[in-house]
Amino acid sequence: MTEELGIAAKAGKFLGTHEQAFLQSGIQHHEINLYFKMTAPALSNAKVLISHEDHIEFFWLKSGEMAEVNLLPVVVRRMILRWTIGEEMQFASDGLPVI
């Protein structure tokens, strides 16, 4: 979060990983994302989140609004919803949860 928002954060419990390949602006990308529960005291009072990176947008929303936003990949959106209700899930490289 320091790089993206300029806010100090502490990583907590490992939640999962997701591997994906995608085309963006004609360029092929391949990434592996690691997800952790985190704490960031400076976020508790932040009404507006200002990104330090032009290609990333941050905003607050309620879990019921998750389907209304274009959070990609879609499987990550689904997993965030599951994490918010206490389910422990991980990701596989094809984007499907490990069962």
C-alpha atoms as a PDB file:
ATOM      1  CA  MET A   1       0.000   0.000   0.000  1.00  0.00           C
ATOM      2  CA  THR A   2       2.984   2.281   0.448  1.00  0.00           C
ATOM      3  CA  GLU A   3       3.733   2.115  -3.272  1.00  0.00           C
ATOM      4  CA  GLU A   4       0.114   2.457  -4.418  1.00  0.00           C
ATOM      5  CA  LEU A   5      -1.344   4.861  -1.834  1.00  0.00           C
ATOM      6  CA  GLY A   6       1.610   6.195   0.139  1.00  0.00           C
ATOM      7  CA  ILE A   7       0.150   4.591   3.284  1.00  0.00           C
ATOM      8  CA  ALA A   8       2.001   2.307   5.688  1.00  0.00           C
ATOM      9  CA  ALA A   9       0.391  -1.108   6.051  1.00  0.00           C
ATOM     10  CA  LYS A  10       1.158  -4.313   7.888  1.00  0.00           C
ATOM     11  CA  ALA A  11       0.574  -7.657   6.189  1.00  0.00           C
ATOM     12  CA  GLY A  12      -1.253 -10.231   8.263  1.00  0.00           C
ATOM     13  CA  LYS A  13      -2.633 -13.667   7.453  1.00  0.00           C
ATOM     14  CA  PHE A  14      -2.009 -15.049   3.958  1.00  0.00           C
ATOM     15  CA  LEU A  15      -5.361 -15.392   2.155  1.00  0.00           C
ATOM     16  CA  GLY A  16      -4.453 -16.801  -1.248  1.00  0.00           C
ATOM     17  CA  THR A  17      -2.799 -16.374  -4.602  1.00  0.00           C
ATOM     18  CA  HIS A  18      -3.988 -15.852  -8.145  1.00  0.00           C
ATOM     19  CA  GLU A  19      -2.075 -16.252 -11.380  1.00  0.00           C
ATOM     20  CA  GLN A  20      -3.301 -14.705 -14.602  1.00  0.00           C
ATOM     21  CA  ALA A  21      -2.280 -13.730 -18.087  1.00  0.00           C
ATOM     22  CA  PHE A  22      -4.034 -10.888 -19.875  1.00  0.00           C
ATOM     23  CA  LEU A  23      -3.725  -8.450 -22.753  1.00  0.00           C
ATOM     24  CA  GLN A  24      -3.696  -4.751 -21.838  1.00  0.00           C
ATOM     25  CA  SER A  25      -3.266  -2.003 -24.433  1.00  0.00           C
ATOM     26  CA  GLY A  26      -1.899  -4.587 -26.866  1.00  0.00           C
ATOM     27  CA  ILE A  27       0.736  -5.832 -24.424  1.00  0.00           C
ATOM     28  CA  GLN A  28       0.675  -9.348 -22.981  1.00  0.00           C
ATOM     29  CA  HIS A  29       1.025  -9.453 -19.178  1.00  0.00           C
ATOM     30  CA  HIS A  30       1.509 -12.362 -16.801  1.00  0.00           C
ATOM     31  CA  GLU A  31       1.275 -11.845 -13.073  1.00  0.00           C
ATOM     32  CA  ILE A  32       1.051 -13.715  -9.816  1.00  0.00           C
ATOM     33  CA  ASN A  33      -0.770 -11.859  -7.044  1.00  0.00           C
ATOM     34  CA  LEU A  34      -0.494 -12.716  -3.363  1.00  0.00           C
ATOM     35  CA  TYR A  35      -3.349 -11.665  -1.076  1.00  0.00           C
ATOM     36  CA  PHE A  36      -2.958 -10.929   2.637  1.00  0.00           C
ATOM     37  CA  LYS A  37      -5.235  -9.583   5.295  1.00  0.00           C
ATOM     38  CA  MET A  38      -3.756  -6.211   6.195  1.00  0.00           C
ATOM     39  CA  THR A  39      -3.999  -3.407   8.677  1.00  0.00           C
ATOM     40  CA  ALA A  40      -3.411   0.203   7.738  1.00  0.00           C
ATOM     41  CA  PRO A  41      -4.414   2.638  10.511  1.00  0.00           C
ATOM     42  CA  ALA A  42      -4.253   5.632   8.133  1.00  0.00           C
ATOM     43  CA  LEU A  43      -7.065   4.092   6.064  1.00  0.00           C
ATOM     44  CA  SER A  44      -9.571   4.060   8.917  1.00  0.00           C
ATOM     45  CA  ASN A  45     -10.323   7.783   8.533  1.00  0.00           C
ATOM     46  CA  ALA A  46      -9.647   8.157   4.808  1.00  0.00           C
ATOM     47  CA  LYS A  47     -12.735   9.222   2.893  1.00  0.00           C
ATOM     48  CA  VAL A  48     -10.945   9.518  -0.454  1.00  0.00           C
ATOM     49  CA  LEU A  49      -8.130   7.257  -1.610  1.00  0.00           C
ATOM     50  CA  ILE A  50      -5.645   8.891  -3.979  1.00  0.00           C
ATOM     51  CA  SER A  51      -3.631   6.472  -6.076  1.00  0.00           C
ATOM     52  CA  HIS A  52       0.059   7.089  -6.701  1.00  0.00           C
ATOM     53  CA  GLU A  53      -0.199   5.042  -9.904  1.00  0.00           C
ATOM     54  CA  ASP A  54      -2.139   6.322 -12.925  1.00  0.00           C
ATOM     55  CA  HIS A  55      -3.396   2.870 -13.953  1.00  0.00           C
ATOM     56  CA  ILE A  56      -4.871   1.934 -10.539  1.00  0.00           C
ATOM     57  CA  GLU A  57      -8.020   3.352  -8.948  1.00  0.00           C
ATOM     58  CA  PHE A  58      -8.981   2.979  -5.278  1.00  0.00           C
ATOM     59  CA  PHE A  59     -12.399   3.548  -3.756  1.00  0.00           C
ATOM     60  CA  TRP A  60     -14.526   2.328  -0.870  1.00  0.00           C
ATOM     61  CA  LEU A  61     -17.604   0.200  -1.407  1.00  0.00           C
ATOM     62  CA  LYS A  62     -19.839  -2.088   0.594  1.00  0.00           C
ATOM     63  CA  SER A  63     -19.671  -5.812  -0.070  1.00  0.00           C
ATOM     64  CA  GLY A  64     -23.192  -5.684  -1.557  1.00  0.00           C
ATOM     65  CA  GLU A  65     -21.930  -3.265  -4.214  1.00  0.00           C
ATOM     66  CA  MET A  66     -19.082  -5.538  -5.356  1.00  0.00           C
ATOM     67  CA  ALA A  67     -21.001  -6.850  -8.388  1.00  0.00           C
ATOM     68  CA  GLU A  68     -21.515  -3.281  -9.641  1.00  0.00           C
ATOM     69  CA  VAL A  69     -17.826  -2.510 -10.181  1.00  0.00           C
ATOM     70  CA  ASN A  70     -15.358  -3.719 -12.785  1.00  0.00           C
ATOM     71  CA  LEU A  71     -12.928  -5.363 -10.368  1.00  0.00           C
ATOM     72  CA  LEU A  72     -10.824  -7.773 -12.381  1.00  0.00           C
ATOM     73  CA  PRO A  73     -10.242 -10.608 -12.507  1.00  0.00           C
ATOM     74  CA  VAL A  74     -13.829 -11.558 -11.638  1.00  0.00           C
ATOM     75  CA  VAL A  75     -12.656 -14.539  -9.581  1.00  0.00           C
ATOM     76  CA  VAL A  76     -10.894 -12.125  -7.205  1.00  0.00           C
ATOM     77  CA  ARG A  77     -14.160 -10.237  -6.704  1.00  0.00           C
ATOM     78  CA  ARG A  78     -15.854 -13.511  -5.745  1.00  0.00           C
ATOM     79  CA  MET A  79     -13.073 -14.502  -3.377  1.00  0.00           C
ATOM     80  CA  ILE A  80     -13.100 -11.123  -1.591  1.00  0.00           C
ATOM     81  CA  LEU A  81     -16.797 -11.608  -0.911  1.00  0.00           C
ATOM     82  CA  ARG A  82     -16.107 -15.059   0.526  1.00  0.00           C
ATOM     83  CA  TRP A  83     -13.264 -13.741   2.702  1.00  0.00           C
ATOM     84  CA  THR A  84     -15.552 -11.049   4.157  1.00  0.00           C
ATOM     85  CA  ILE A  85     -17.843 -13.756   5.550  1.00  0.00           C
ATOM     86  CA  GLY A  86     -14.948 -15.720   7.012  1.00  0.00           C
ATOM     87  CA  GLU A  87     -14.493 -18.435   4.388  1.00  0.00           C
ATOM     88  CA  GLU A  88     -10.904 -19.515   3.863  1.00  0.00           C
ATOM     89  CA  MET A  89     -10.200 -20.005   0.179  1.00  0.00           C
ATOM     90  CA  GLN A  90      -7.097 -20.078  -2.004  1.00  0.00           C
ATOM     91  CA  PHE A  91      -6.612 -19.605  -5.725  1.00  0.00           C
ATOM     92  CA  ALA A  92      -5.235 -21.890  -8.402  1.00  0.00           C
ATOM     93  CA  SER A  93      -3.415 -20.742 -11.529  1.00  0.00           C
ATOM     94  CA  ASP A  94      -6.529 -21.186 -13.653  1.00  0.00           C
ATOM     95  CA  GLY A  95      -8.498 -18.834 -11.409  1.00  0.00           C
ATOM     96  CA  LEU A  96     -10.622 -21.519  -9.793  1.00  0.00           C
ATOM     97  CA  PRO A  97     -10.612 -21.925  -6.020  1.00  0.00           C
ATOM     98  CA  VAL A  98      -8.687 -24.857  -4.622  1.00  0.00           C
ATOM     99  CA  ILE A  99     -11.137 -27.241  -2.987  1.00  0.00           C
END
